[in-house]
Amino acid sequence: MTIKKTRTGERLDIALTGRLDAAAAARLDGELKESCEGVTELVMDFTRLSGLSPEGLQVLLDAQKVMNRQGRMVLRHVNGRAMETLVVTGLADILTVE
């Protein structure tokens, strides 16, 4: 998995490429904890995301909890397989998906 971060002021954009499996989830969690201080808008681009593991879903939930206190989090360009996972788990109702 590749994680590309771009910070502009109080906005953090993260583009994910590959599968958000257990190992990638641990990396993403570390990147978010390191980078989210002072962020009021977190935008995650799933254009090239090929799948989500339970660990990946947990990282998204944890990030949402943080961003609920600091601002907002948006998932963009969620493809069919990832969207199906979000819908089946009920997270599509909790997370903001554009």
PDB file of N, CA and C in Angstrom:
ATOM      1  N   MET A   1       0.834  -1.175   0.000  1.00  0.00           N
ATOM      2  CA  MET A   1       0.000   0.000   0.000  1.00  0.00           C
ATOM      3  C   MET A   1       0.880   1.239   0.000  1.00  0.00           C
ATOM      4  N   THR A   2       0.444   2.223  -0.765  1.00  0.00           N
ATOM      5  CA  THR A   2       1.120   3.508  -0.827  1.00  0.00           C
ATOM      6  C   THR A   2       0.212   4.556  -0.189  1.00  0.00           C
ATOM      7  N   ILE A   3       0.794   5.382   0.659  1.00  0.00           N
ATOM      8  CA  ILE A   3       0.068   6.470   1.316  1.00  0.00           C
ATOM      9  C   ILE A   3       0.729   7.771   0.906  1.00  0.00           C
ATOM     10  N   LYS A   4      -0.028   8.627   0.209  1.00  0.00           N
ATOM     11  CA  LYS A   4       0.505   9.923  -0.215  1.00  0.00           C
ATOM     12  C   LYS A   4      -0.230  11.011   0.564  1.00  0.00           C
ATOM     13  N   LYS A   5       0.543  11.803   1.330  1.00  0.00           N
ATOM     14  CA  LYS A   5      -0.040  12.875   2.143  1.00  0.00           C
ATOM     15  C   LYS A   5       0.319  14.229   1.551  1.00  0.00           C
ATOM     16  N   THR A   6      -0.670  15.118   1.568  1.00  0.00           N
ATOM     17  CA  THR A   6      -0.450  16.502   1.172  1.00  0.00           C
ATOM     18  C   THR A   6      -1.176  17.385   2.182  1.00  0.00           C
ATOM     19  N   ARG A   7      -0.430  18.284   2.807  1.00  0.00           N
ATOM     20  CA  ARG A   7      -1.048  19.183   3.778  1.00  0.00           C
ATOM     21  C   ARG A   7      -1.011  20.604   3.247  1.00  0.00           C
ATOM     22  N   THR A   8      -2.169  21.239   3.275  1.00  0.00           N
ATOM     23  CA  THR A   8      -2.301  22.630   2.886  1.00  0.00           C
ATOM     24  C   THR A   8      -3.040  23.347   4.003  1.00  0.00           C
ATOM     25  N   GLY A   9      -2.307  24.114   4.779  1.00  0.00           N
ATOM     26  CA  GLY A   9      -2.926  24.795   5.911  1.00  0.00           C
ATOM     27  C   GLY A   9      -3.495  23.799   6.895  1.00  0.00           C
ATOM     28  N   GLU A  10      -4.792  23.888   7.144  1.00  0.00           N
ATOM     29  CA  GLU A  10      -5.455  22.997   8.093  1.00  0.00           C
ATOM     30  C   GLU A  10      -6.122  21.803   7.418  1.00  0.00           C
ATOM     31  N   ARG A  11      -5.838  21.607   6.130  1.00  0.00           N
ATOM     32  CA  ARG A  11      -6.419  20.489   5.374  1.00  0.00           C
ATOM     33  C   ARG A  11      -5.334  19.449   5.092  1.00  0.00           C
ATOM     34  N   LEU A  12      -5.686  18.187   5.325  1.00  0.00           N
ATOM     35  CA  LEU A  12      -4.792  17.076   5.031  1.00  0.00           C
ATOM     36  C   LEU A  12      -5.471  16.169   4.020  1.00  0.00           C
ATOM     37  N   ASP A  13      -4.825  15.978   2.872  1.00  0.00           N
ATOM     38  CA  ASP A  13      -5.302  15.054   1.841  1.00  0.00           C
ATOM     39  C   ASP A  13      -4.448  13.801   1.901  1.00  0.00           C
ATOM     40  N   ILE A  14      -5.106  12.654   1.894  1.00  0.00           N
ATOM     41  CA  ILE A  14      -4.402  11.376   1.886  1.00  0.00           C
ATOM     42  C   ILE A  14      -4.964  10.542   0.748  1.00  0.00           C
ATOM     43  N   ALA A  15      -4.080  10.133  -0.164  1.00  0.00           N
ATOM     44  CA  ALA A  15      -4.459   9.259  -1.280  1.00  0.00           C
ATOM     45  C   ALA A  15      -3.885   7.870  -1.000  1.00  0.00           C
ATOM     46  N   LEU A  16      -4.751   6.867  -1.059  1.00  0.00           N
ATOM     47  CA  LEU A  16      -4.340   5.498  -0.781  1.00  0.00           C
ATOM     48  C   LEU A  16      -4.326   4.683  -2.064  1.00  0.00           C
ATOM     49  N   THR A  17      -3.269   3.911  -2.244  1.00  0.00           N
ATOM     50  CA  THR A  17      -3.151   3.028  -3.407  1.00  0.00           C
ATOM     51  C   THR A  17      -2.867   1.625  -2.900  1.00  0.00           C
ATOM     52  N   GLY A  18      -3.684   0.663  -3.316  1.00  0.00           N
ATOM     53  CA  GLY A  18      -3.500  -0.715  -2.897  1.00  0.00           C
ATOM     54  C   GLY A  18      -4.591  -1.148  -1.938  1.00  0.00           C
ATOM     55  N   ARG A  19      -4.296  -2.189  -1.182  1.00  0.00           N
ATOM     56  CA  ARG A  19      -5.263  -2.747  -0.226  1.00  0.00           C
ATOM     57  C   ARG A  19      -4.959  -2.243   1.183  1.00  0.00           C
ATOM     58  N   LEU A  20      -5.997  -1.793   1.862  1.00  0.00           N
ATOM     59  CA  LEU A  20      -5.866  -1.341   3.242  1.00  0.00           C
ATOM     60  C   LEU A  20      -6.038  -2.557   4.144  1.00  0.00           C
ATOM     61  N   ASP A  21      -4.979  -3.387   4.199  1.00  0.00           N
ATOM     62  CA  ASP A  21      -4.991  -4.594   5.013  1.00  0.00           C
ATOM     63  C   ASP A  21      -4.427  -4.287   6.398  1.00  0.00           C
ATOM     64  N   ALA A  22      -4.177  -5.321   7.192  1.00  0.00           N
ATOM     65  CA  ALA A  22      -3.731  -5.115   8.578  1.00  0.00           C
ATOM     66  C   ALA A  22      -2.425  -4.329   8.649  1.00  0.00           C
ATOM     67  N   ALA A  23      -1.444  -4.705   7.838  1.00  0.00           N
ATOM     68  CA  ALA A  23      -0.148  -4.010   7.873  1.00  0.00           C
ATOM     69  C   ALA A  23      -0.293  -2.562   7.419  1.00  0.00           C
ATOM     70  N   ALA A  24      -1.047  -2.352   6.345  1.00  0.00           N
ATOM     71  CA  ALA A  24      -1.246  -0.994   5.835  1.00  0.00           C
ATOM     72  C   ALA A  24      -2.065  -0.163   6.819  1.00  0.00           C
ATOM     73  N   ALA A  25      -3.008  -0.803   7.504  1.00  0.00           N
ATOM     74  CA  ALA A  25      -3.825  -0.090   8.490  1.00  0.00           C
ATOM     75  C   ALA A  25      -2.954   0.434   9.624  1.00  0.00           C
ATOM     76  N   ALA A  26      -1.995  -0.367  10.067  1.00  0.00           N
ATOM     77  CA  ALA A  26      -1.090   0.073  11.131  1.00  0.00           C
ATOM     78  C   ALA A  26      -0.259   1.268  10.664  1.00  0.00           C
ATOM     79  N   ARG A  27       0.213   1.226   9.411  1.00  0.00           N
ATOM     80  CA  ARG A  27       0.975   2.349   8.858  1.00  0.00           C
ATOM     81  C   ARG A  27       0.118   3.593   8.748  1.00  0.00           C
ATOM     82  N   LEU A  28      -1.105   3.435   8.224  1.00  0.00           N
ATOM     83  CA  LEU A  28      -2.004   4.576   8.059  1.00  0.00           C
ATOM     84  C   LEU A  28      -2.355   5.168   9.423  1.00  0.00           C
ATOM     85  N   ASP A  29      -2.609   4.325  10.405  1.00  0.00           N
ATOM     86  CA  ASP A  29      -2.915   4.811  11.745  1.00  0.00           C
ATOM     87  C   ASP A  29      -1.767   5.659  12.286  1.00  0.00           C
ATOM     88  N   GLY A  30      -0.554   5.195  12.107  1.00  0.00           N
ATOM     89  CA  GLY A  30       0.616   5.962  12.549  1.00  0.00           C
ATOM     90  C   GLY A  30       0.744   7.285  11.822  1.00  0.00           C
ATOM     91  N   GLU A  31       0.523   7.260  10.504  1.00  0.00           N
ATOM     92  CA  GLU A  31       0.595   8.494   9.707  1.00  0.00           C
ATOM     93  C   GLU A  31      -0.463   9.497  10.169  1.00  0.00           C
ATOM     94  N   LEU A  32      -1.669   9.013  10.441  1.00  0.00           N
ATOM     95  CA  LEU A  32      -2.748   9.905  10.877  1.00  0.00           C
ATOM     96  C   LEU A  32      -2.447  10.505  12.244  1.00  0.00           C
ATOM     97  N   LYS A  33      -1.972   9.682  13.165  1.00  0.00           N
ATOM     98  CA  LYS A  33      -1.658  10.190  14.506  1.00  0.00           C
ATOM     99  C   LYS A  33      -0.543  11.228  14.447  1.00  0.00           C
ATOM    100  N   GLU A  34       0.390  11.028  13.539  1.00  0.00           N
ATOM    101  CA  GLU A  34       1.508  11.957  13.382  1.00  0.00           C
ATOM    102  C   GLU A  34       1.090  13.252  12.688  1.00  0.00           C
ATOM    103  N   SER A  35       0.108  13.185  11.800  1.00  0.00           N
ATOM    104  CA  SER A  35      -0.189  14.301  10.901  1.00  0.00           C
ATOM    105  C   SER A  35      -1.459  15.082  11.196  1.00  0.00           C
ATOM    106  N   CYS A  36      -2.334  14.598  12.066  1.00  0.00           N
ATOM    107  CA  CYS A  36      -3.651  15.225  12.215  1.00  0.00           C
ATOM    108  C   CYS A  36      -3.720  16.370  13.220  1.00  0.00           C
ATOM    109  N   GLU A  37      -2.638  16.631  13.923  1.00  0.00           N
ATOM    110  CA  GLU A  37      -2.675  17.747  14.861  1.00  0.00           C
ATOM    111  C   GLU A  37      -2.884  19.057  14.099  1.00  0.00           C
ATOM    112  N   GLY A  38      -3.892  19.813  14.488  1.00  0.00           N
ATOM    113  CA  GLY A  38      -4.186  21.087  13.835  1.00  0.00           C
ATOM    114  C   GLY A  38      -4.966  20.975  12.543  1.00  0.00           C
ATOM    115  N   VAL A  39      -5.328  19.766  12.149  1.00  0.00           N
ATOM    116  CA  VAL A  39      -6.094  19.551  10.912  1.00  0.00           C
ATOM    117  C   VAL A  39      -7.580  19.705  11.224  1.00  0.00           C
ATOM    118  N   THR A  40      -8.269  20.497  10.403  1.00  0.00           N
ATOM    119  CA  THR A  40      -9.711  20.652  10.558  1.00  0.00           C
ATOM    120  C   THR A  40     -10.484  19.962   9.432  1.00  0.00           C
ATOM    121  N   GLU A  41      -9.771  19.596   8.376  1.00  0.00           N
ATOM    122  CA  GLU A  41     -10.402  18.869   7.259  1.00  0.00           C
ATOM    123  C   GLU A  41      -9.464  17.758   6.804  1.00  0.00           C
ATOM    124  N   LEU A  42      -9.954  16.524   6.884  1.00  0.00           N
ATOM    125  CA  LEU A  42      -9.212  15.353   6.428  1.00  0.00           C
ATOM    126  C   LEU A  42      -9.955  14.771   5.240  1.00  0.00           C
ATOM    127  N   VAL A  43      -9.280  14.729   4.086  1.00  0.00           N
ATOM    128  CA  VAL A  43      -9.877  14.187   2.865  1.00  0.00           C
ATOM    129  C   VAL A  43      -9.080  12.956   2.463  1.00  0.00           C
ATOM    130  N   MET A  44      -9.772  11.817   2.392  1.00  0.00           N
ATOM    131  CA  MET A  44      -9.122  10.572   1.994  1.00  0.00           C
ATOM    132  C   MET A  44      -9.615  10.182   0.610  1.00  0.00           C
ATOM    133  N   ASP A  45      -8.675  10.022  -0.316  1.00  0.00           N
ATOM    134  CA  ASP A  45      -8.990   9.682  -1.708  1.00  0.00           C
ATOM    135  C   ASP A  45      -8.827   8.184  -1.899  1.00  0.00           C
ATOM    136  N   PHE A  46      -9.934   7.510  -2.233  1.00  0.00           N
ATOM    137  CA  PHE A  46      -9.938   6.056  -2.400  1.00  0.00           C
ATOM    138  C   PHE A  46      -9.937   5.645  -3.871  1.00  0.00           C
ATOM    139  N   THR A  47      -9.586   6.536  -4.785  1.00  0.00           N
ATOM    140  CA  THR A  47      -9.608   6.230  -6.213  1.00  0.00           C
ATOM    141  C   THR A  47      -8.875   4.928  -6.527  1.00  0.00           C
ATOM    142  N   ARG A  48      -7.724   4.734  -5.907  1.00  0.00           N
ATOM    143  CA  ARG A  48      -6.886   3.567  -6.217  1.00  0.00           C
ATOM    144  C   ARG A  48      -6.861   2.532  -5.082  1.00  0.00           C
ATOM    145  N   LEU A  49      -7.849   2.608  -4.210  1.00  0.00           N
ATOM    146  CA  LEU A  49      -7.939   1.636  -3.119  1.00  0.00           C
ATOM    147  C   LEU A  49      -8.599   0.369  -3.642  1.00  0.00           C
ATOM    148  N   SER A  50      -7.955  -0.780  -3.424  1.00  0.00           N
ATOM    149  CA  SER A  50      -8.487  -2.028  -3.966  1.00  0.00           C
ATOM    150  C   SER A  50      -9.238  -2.867  -2.945  1.00  0.00           C
ATOM    151  N   GLY A  51      -9.178  -2.527  -1.668  1.00  0.00           N
ATOM    152  CA  GLY A  51      -9.912  -3.299  -0.676  1.00  0.00           C
ATOM    153  C   GLY A  51      -9.692  -2.780   0.722  1.00  0.00           C
ATOM    154  N   LEU A  52     -10.612  -3.177   1.613  1.00  0.00           N
ATOM    155  CA  LEU A  52     -10.579  -2.745   3.007  1.00  0.00           C
ATOM    156  C   LEU A  52     -10.673  -3.960   3.924  1.00  0.00           C
ATOM    157  N   SER A  53      -9.756  -4.086   4.844  1.00  0.00           N
ATOM    158  CA  SER A  53      -9.804  -5.147   5.848  1.00  0.00           C
ATOM    159  C   SER A  53     -10.518  -4.621   7.088  1.00  0.00           C
ATOM    160  N   PRO A  54     -10.874  -5.508   8.024  1.00  0.00           N
ATOM    161  CA  PRO A  54     -11.460  -5.033   9.287  1.00  0.00           C
ATOM    162  C   PRO A  54     -10.546  -4.044  10.014  1.00  0.00           C
ATOM    163  N   GLU A  55      -9.240  -4.267   9.955  1.00  0.00           N
ATOM    164  CA  GLU A  55      -8.299  -3.347  10.589  1.00  0.00           C
ATOM    165  C   GLU A  55      -8.329  -1.983   9.910  1.00  0.00           C
ATOM    166  N   GLY A  56      -8.466  -1.979   8.598  1.00  0.00           N
ATOM    167  CA  GLY A  56      -8.587  -0.721   7.854  1.00  0.00           C
ATOM    168  C   GLY A  56      -9.847   0.030   8.225  1.00  0.00           C
ATOM    169  N   LEU A  57     -10.936  -0.696   8.383  1.00  0.00           N
ATOM    170  CA  LEU A  57     -12.196  -0.073   8.798  1.00  0.00           C
ATOM    171  C   LEU A  57     -12.057   0.552  10.186  1.00  0.00           C
ATOM    172  N   GLN A  58     -11.340  -0.127  11.073  1.00  0.00           N
ATOM    173  CA  GLN A  58     -11.141   0.402  12.425  1.00  0.00           C
ATOM    174  C   GLN A  58     -10.345   1.706  12.396  1.00  0.00           C
ATOM    175  N   VAL A  59      -9.331   1.775  11.532  1.00  0.00           N
ATOM    176  CA  VAL A  59      -8.543   3.005  11.408  1.00  0.00           C
ATOM    177  C   VAL A  59      -9.436   4.143  10.921  1.00  0.00           C
ATOM    178  N   LEU A  60     -10.316   3.857   9.974  1.00  0.00           N
ATOM    179  CA  LEU A  60     -11.236   4.888   9.485  1.00  0.00           C
ATOM    180  C   LEU A  60     -12.158   5.369  10.603  1.00  0.00           C
ATOM    181  N   LEU A  61     -12.673   4.445  11.401  1.00  0.00           N
ATOM    182  CA  LEU A  61     -13.528   4.834  12.525  1.00  0.00           C
ATOM    183  C   LEU A  61     -12.771   5.672  13.543  1.00  0.00           C
ATOM    184  N   ASP A  62     -11.552   5.265  13.851  1.00  0.00           N
ATOM    185  CA  ASP A  62     -10.738   6.030  14.798  1.00  0.00           C
ATOM    186  C   ASP A  62     -10.461   7.439  14.279  1.00  0.00           C
ATOM    187  N   ALA A  63     -10.151   7.536  12.988  1.00  0.00           N
ATOM    188  CA  ALA A  63      -9.895   8.848  12.383  1.00  0.00           C
ATOM    189  C   ALA A  63     -11.159   9.707  12.428  1.00  0.00           C
ATOM    190  N   GLN A  64     -12.314   9.087  12.191  1.00  0.00           N
ATOM    191  CA  GLN A  64     -13.579   9.826  12.236  1.00  0.00           C
ATOM    192  C   GLN A  64     -13.827  10.395  13.634  1.00  0.00           C
ATOM    193  N   LYS A  65     -13.528   9.600  14.662  1.00  0.00           N
ATOM    194  CA  LYS A  65     -13.708  10.069  16.040  1.00  0.00           C
ATOM    195  C   LYS A  65     -12.835  11.298  16.318  1.00  0.00           C
ATOM    196  N   VAL A  66     -11.597  11.253  15.875  1.00  0.00           N
ATOM    197  CA  VAL A  66     -10.687  12.386  16.055  1.00  0.00           C
ATOM    198  C   VAL A  66     -11.212  13.605  15.310  1.00  0.00           C
ATOM    199  N   MET A  67     -11.605  13.394  14.062  1.00  0.00           N
ATOM    200  CA  MET A  67     -12.050  14.515  13.229  1.00  0.00           C
ATOM    201  C   MET A  67     -13.408  15.061  13.681  1.00  0.00           C
ATOM    202  N   ASN A  68     -14.207  14.265  14.353  1.00  0.00           N
ATOM    203  CA  ASN A  68     -15.465  14.792  14.914  1.00  0.00           C
ATOM    204  C   ASN A  68     -15.173  15.886  15.937  1.00  0.00           C
ATOM    205  N   ARG A  69     -14.044  15.789  16.628  1.00  0.00           N
ATOM    206  CA  ARG A  69     -13.657  16.802  17.615  1.00  0.00           C
ATOM    207  C   ARG A  69     -12.948  17.987  16.962  1.00  0.00           C
ATOM    208  N   GLN A  70     -12.245  17.750  15.856  1.00  0.00           N
ATOM    209  CA  GLN A  70     -11.392  18.775  15.240  1.00  0.00           C
ATOM    210  C   GLN A  70     -11.999  19.451  14.019  1.00  0.00           C
ATOM    211  N   GLY A  71     -12.909  18.785  13.342  1.00  0.00           N
ATOM    212  CA  GLY A  71     -13.430  19.313  12.082  1.00  0.00           C
ATOM    213  C   GLY A  71     -14.247  18.259  11.371  1.00  0.00           C
ATOM    214  N   ARG A  72     -13.805  17.905  10.153  1.00  0.00           N
ATOM    215  CA  ARG A  72     -14.563  16.903   9.403  1.00  0.00           C
ATOM    216  C   ARG A  72     -13.635  16.006   8.596  1.00  0.00           C
ATOM    217  N   MET A  73     -14.139  14.814   8.288  1.00  0.00           N
ATOM    218  CA  MET A  73     -13.423  13.847   7.457  1.00  0.00           C
ATOM    219  C   MET A  73     -14.330  13.433   6.314  1.00  0.00           C
ATOM    220  N   VAL A  74     -13.751  13.354   5.114  1.00  0.00           N
ATOM    221  CA  VAL A  74     -14.504  12.981   3.922  1.00  0.00           C
ATOM    222  C   VAL A  74     -13.749  11.882   3.192  1.00  0.00           C
ATOM    223  N   LEU A  75     -14.481  10.864   2.728  1.00  0.00           N
ATOM    224  CA  LEU A  75     -13.922   9.842   1.853  1.00  0.00           C
ATOM    225  C   LEU A  75     -14.389  10.161   0.441  1.00  0.00           C
ATOM    226  N   ARG A  76     -13.451  10.274  -0.483  1.00  0.00           N
ATOM    227  CA  ARG A  76     -13.808  10.626  -1.861  1.00  0.00           C
ATOM    228  C   ARG A  76     -13.415   9.512  -2.826  1.00  0.00           C
ATOM    229  N   HIS A  77     -14.160   9.431  -3.912  1.00  0.00           N
ATOM    230  CA  HIS A  77     -13.879   8.495  -5.004  1.00  0.00           C
ATOM    231  C   HIS A  77     -13.829   7.050  -4.509  1.00  0.00           C
ATOM    232  N   VAL A  78     -14.798   6.689  -3.673  1.00  0.00           N
ATOM    233  CA  VAL A  78     -14.851   5.329  -3.135  1.00  0.00           C
ATOM    234  C   VAL A  78     -15.358   4.408  -4.241  1.00  0.00           C
ATOM    235  N   ASN A  79     -14.545   3.406  -4.597  1.00  0.00           N
ATOM    236  CA  ASN A  79     -14.912   2.505  -5.693  1.00  0.00           C
ATOM    237  C   ASN A  79     -15.904   1.440  -5.231  1.00  0.00           C
ATOM    238  N   GLY A  80     -16.362   0.645  -6.152  1.00  0.00           N
ATOM    239  CA  GLY A  80     -17.409  -0.345  -5.888  1.00  0.00           C
ATOM    240  C   GLY A  80     -17.130  -1.297  -4.751  1.00  0.00           C
ATOM    241  N   ARG A  81     -15.957  -1.945  -4.758  1.00  0.00           N
ATOM    242  CA  ARG A  81     -15.639  -2.938  -3.733  1.00  0.00           C
ATOM    243  C   ARG A  81     -15.544  -2.295  -2.341  1.00  0.00           C
ATOM    244  N   ALA A  82     -14.854  -1.167  -2.250  1.00  0.00           N
ATOM    245  CA  ALA A  82     -14.724  -0.486  -0.960  1.00  0.00           C
ATOM    246  C   ALA A  82     -16.086   0.028  -0.498  1.00  0.00           C
ATOM    247  N   MET A  83     -16.884   0.556  -1.421  1.00  0.00           N
ATOM    248  CA  MET A  83     -18.210   1.061  -1.059  1.00  0.00           C
ATOM    249  C   MET A  83     -19.097  -0.074  -0.568  1.00  0.00           C
ATOM    250  N   GLU A  84     -19.008  -1.214  -1.210  1.00  0.00           N
ATOM    251  CA  GLU A  84     -19.784  -2.377  -0.786  1.00  0.00           C
ATOM    252  C   GLU A  84     -19.427  -2.751   0.659  1.00  0.00           C
ATOM    253  N   THR A  85     -18.147  -2.729   0.977  1.00  0.00           N
ATOM    254  CA  THR A  85     -17.702  -3.033   2.338  1.00  0.00           C
ATOM    255  C   THR A  85     -18.260  -2.020   3.329  1.00  0.00           C
ATOM    256  N   LEU A  86     -18.224  -0.741   2.974  1.00  0.00           N
ATOM    257  CA  LEU A  86     -18.755   0.302   3.857  1.00  0.00           C
ATOM    258  C   LEU A  86     -20.259   0.141   4.070  1.00  0.00           C
ATOM    259  N   VAL A  87     -20.984  -0.228   3.015  1.00  0.00           N
ATOM    260  CA  VAL A  87     -22.439  -0.396   3.120  1.00  0.00           C
ATOM    261  C   VAL A  87     -22.775  -1.618   3.974  1.00  0.00           C
ATOM    262  N   VAL A  88     -22.124  -2.741   3.697  1.00  0.00           N
ATOM    263  CA  VAL A  88     -22.410  -3.984   4.422  1.00  0.00           C
ATOM    264  C   VAL A  88     -22.122  -3.846   5.912  1.00  0.00           C
ATOM    265  N   THR A  89     -21.068  -3.111   6.258  1.00  0.00           N
ATOM    266  CA  THR A  89     -20.701  -2.939   7.666  1.00  0.00           C
ATOM    267  C   THR A  89     -21.483  -1.822   8.357  1.00  0.00           C
ATOM    268  N   GLY A  90     -22.241  -1.045   7.589  1.00  0.00           N
ATOM    269  CA  GLY A  90     -22.997   0.069   8.151  1.00  0.00           C
ATOM    270  C   GLY A  90     -22.183   1.354   8.284  1.00  0.00           C
ATOM    271  N   LEU A  91     -20.914   1.308   7.889  1.00  0.00           N
ATOM    272  CA  LEU A  91     -20.066   2.498   8.023  1.00  0.00           C
ATOM    273  C   LEU A  91     -20.406   3.583   7.003  1.00  0.00           C
ATOM    274  N   ALA A  92     -21.073   3.216   5.925  1.00  0.00           N
ATOM    275  CA  ALA A  92     -21.487   4.220   4.936  1.00  0.00           C
ATOM    276  C   ALA A  92     -22.452   5.224   5.553  1.00  0.00           C
ATOM    277  N   ASP A  93     -23.148   4.803   6.619  1.00  0.00           N
ATOM    278  CA  ASP A  93     -24.081   5.696   7.312  1.00  0.00           C
ATOM    279  C   ASP A  93     -23.387   6.582   8.342  1.00  0.00           C
ATOM    280  N   ILE A  94     -22.179   6.192   8.738  1.00  0.00           N
ATOM    281  CA  ILE A  94     -21.435   6.920   9.773  1.00  0.00           C
ATOM    282  C   ILE A  94     -20.421   7.872   9.169  1.00  0.00           C
ATOM    283  N   LEU A  95     -19.745   7.422   8.112  1.00  0.00           N
ATOM    284  CA  LEU A  95     -18.695   8.206   7.468  1.00  0.00           C
ATOM    285  C   LEU A  95     -19.285   9.061   6.355  1.00  0.00           C
ATOM    286  N   THR A  96     -18.650  10.186   6.076  1.00  0.00           N
ATOM    287  CA  THR A  96     -19.085  11.042   4.975  1.00  0.00           C
ATOM    288  C   THR A  96     -18.397  10.567   3.705  1.00  0.00           C
ATOM    289  N   VAL A  97     -19.204  10.083   2.759  1.00  0.00           N
ATOM    290  CA  VAL A  97     -18.678   9.564   1.492  1.00  0.00           C
ATOM    291  C   VAL A  97     -19.172  10.447   0.367  1.00  0.00           C
ATOM    292  N   GLU A  98     -18.248  10.982  -0.397  1.00  0.00           N
ATOM    293  CA  GLU A  98     -18.611  11.845  -1.540  1.00  0.00           C
ATOM    294  C   GLU A  98     -18.150  11.207  -2.821  1.00  0.00           C
TER     295      GLU A  98
END
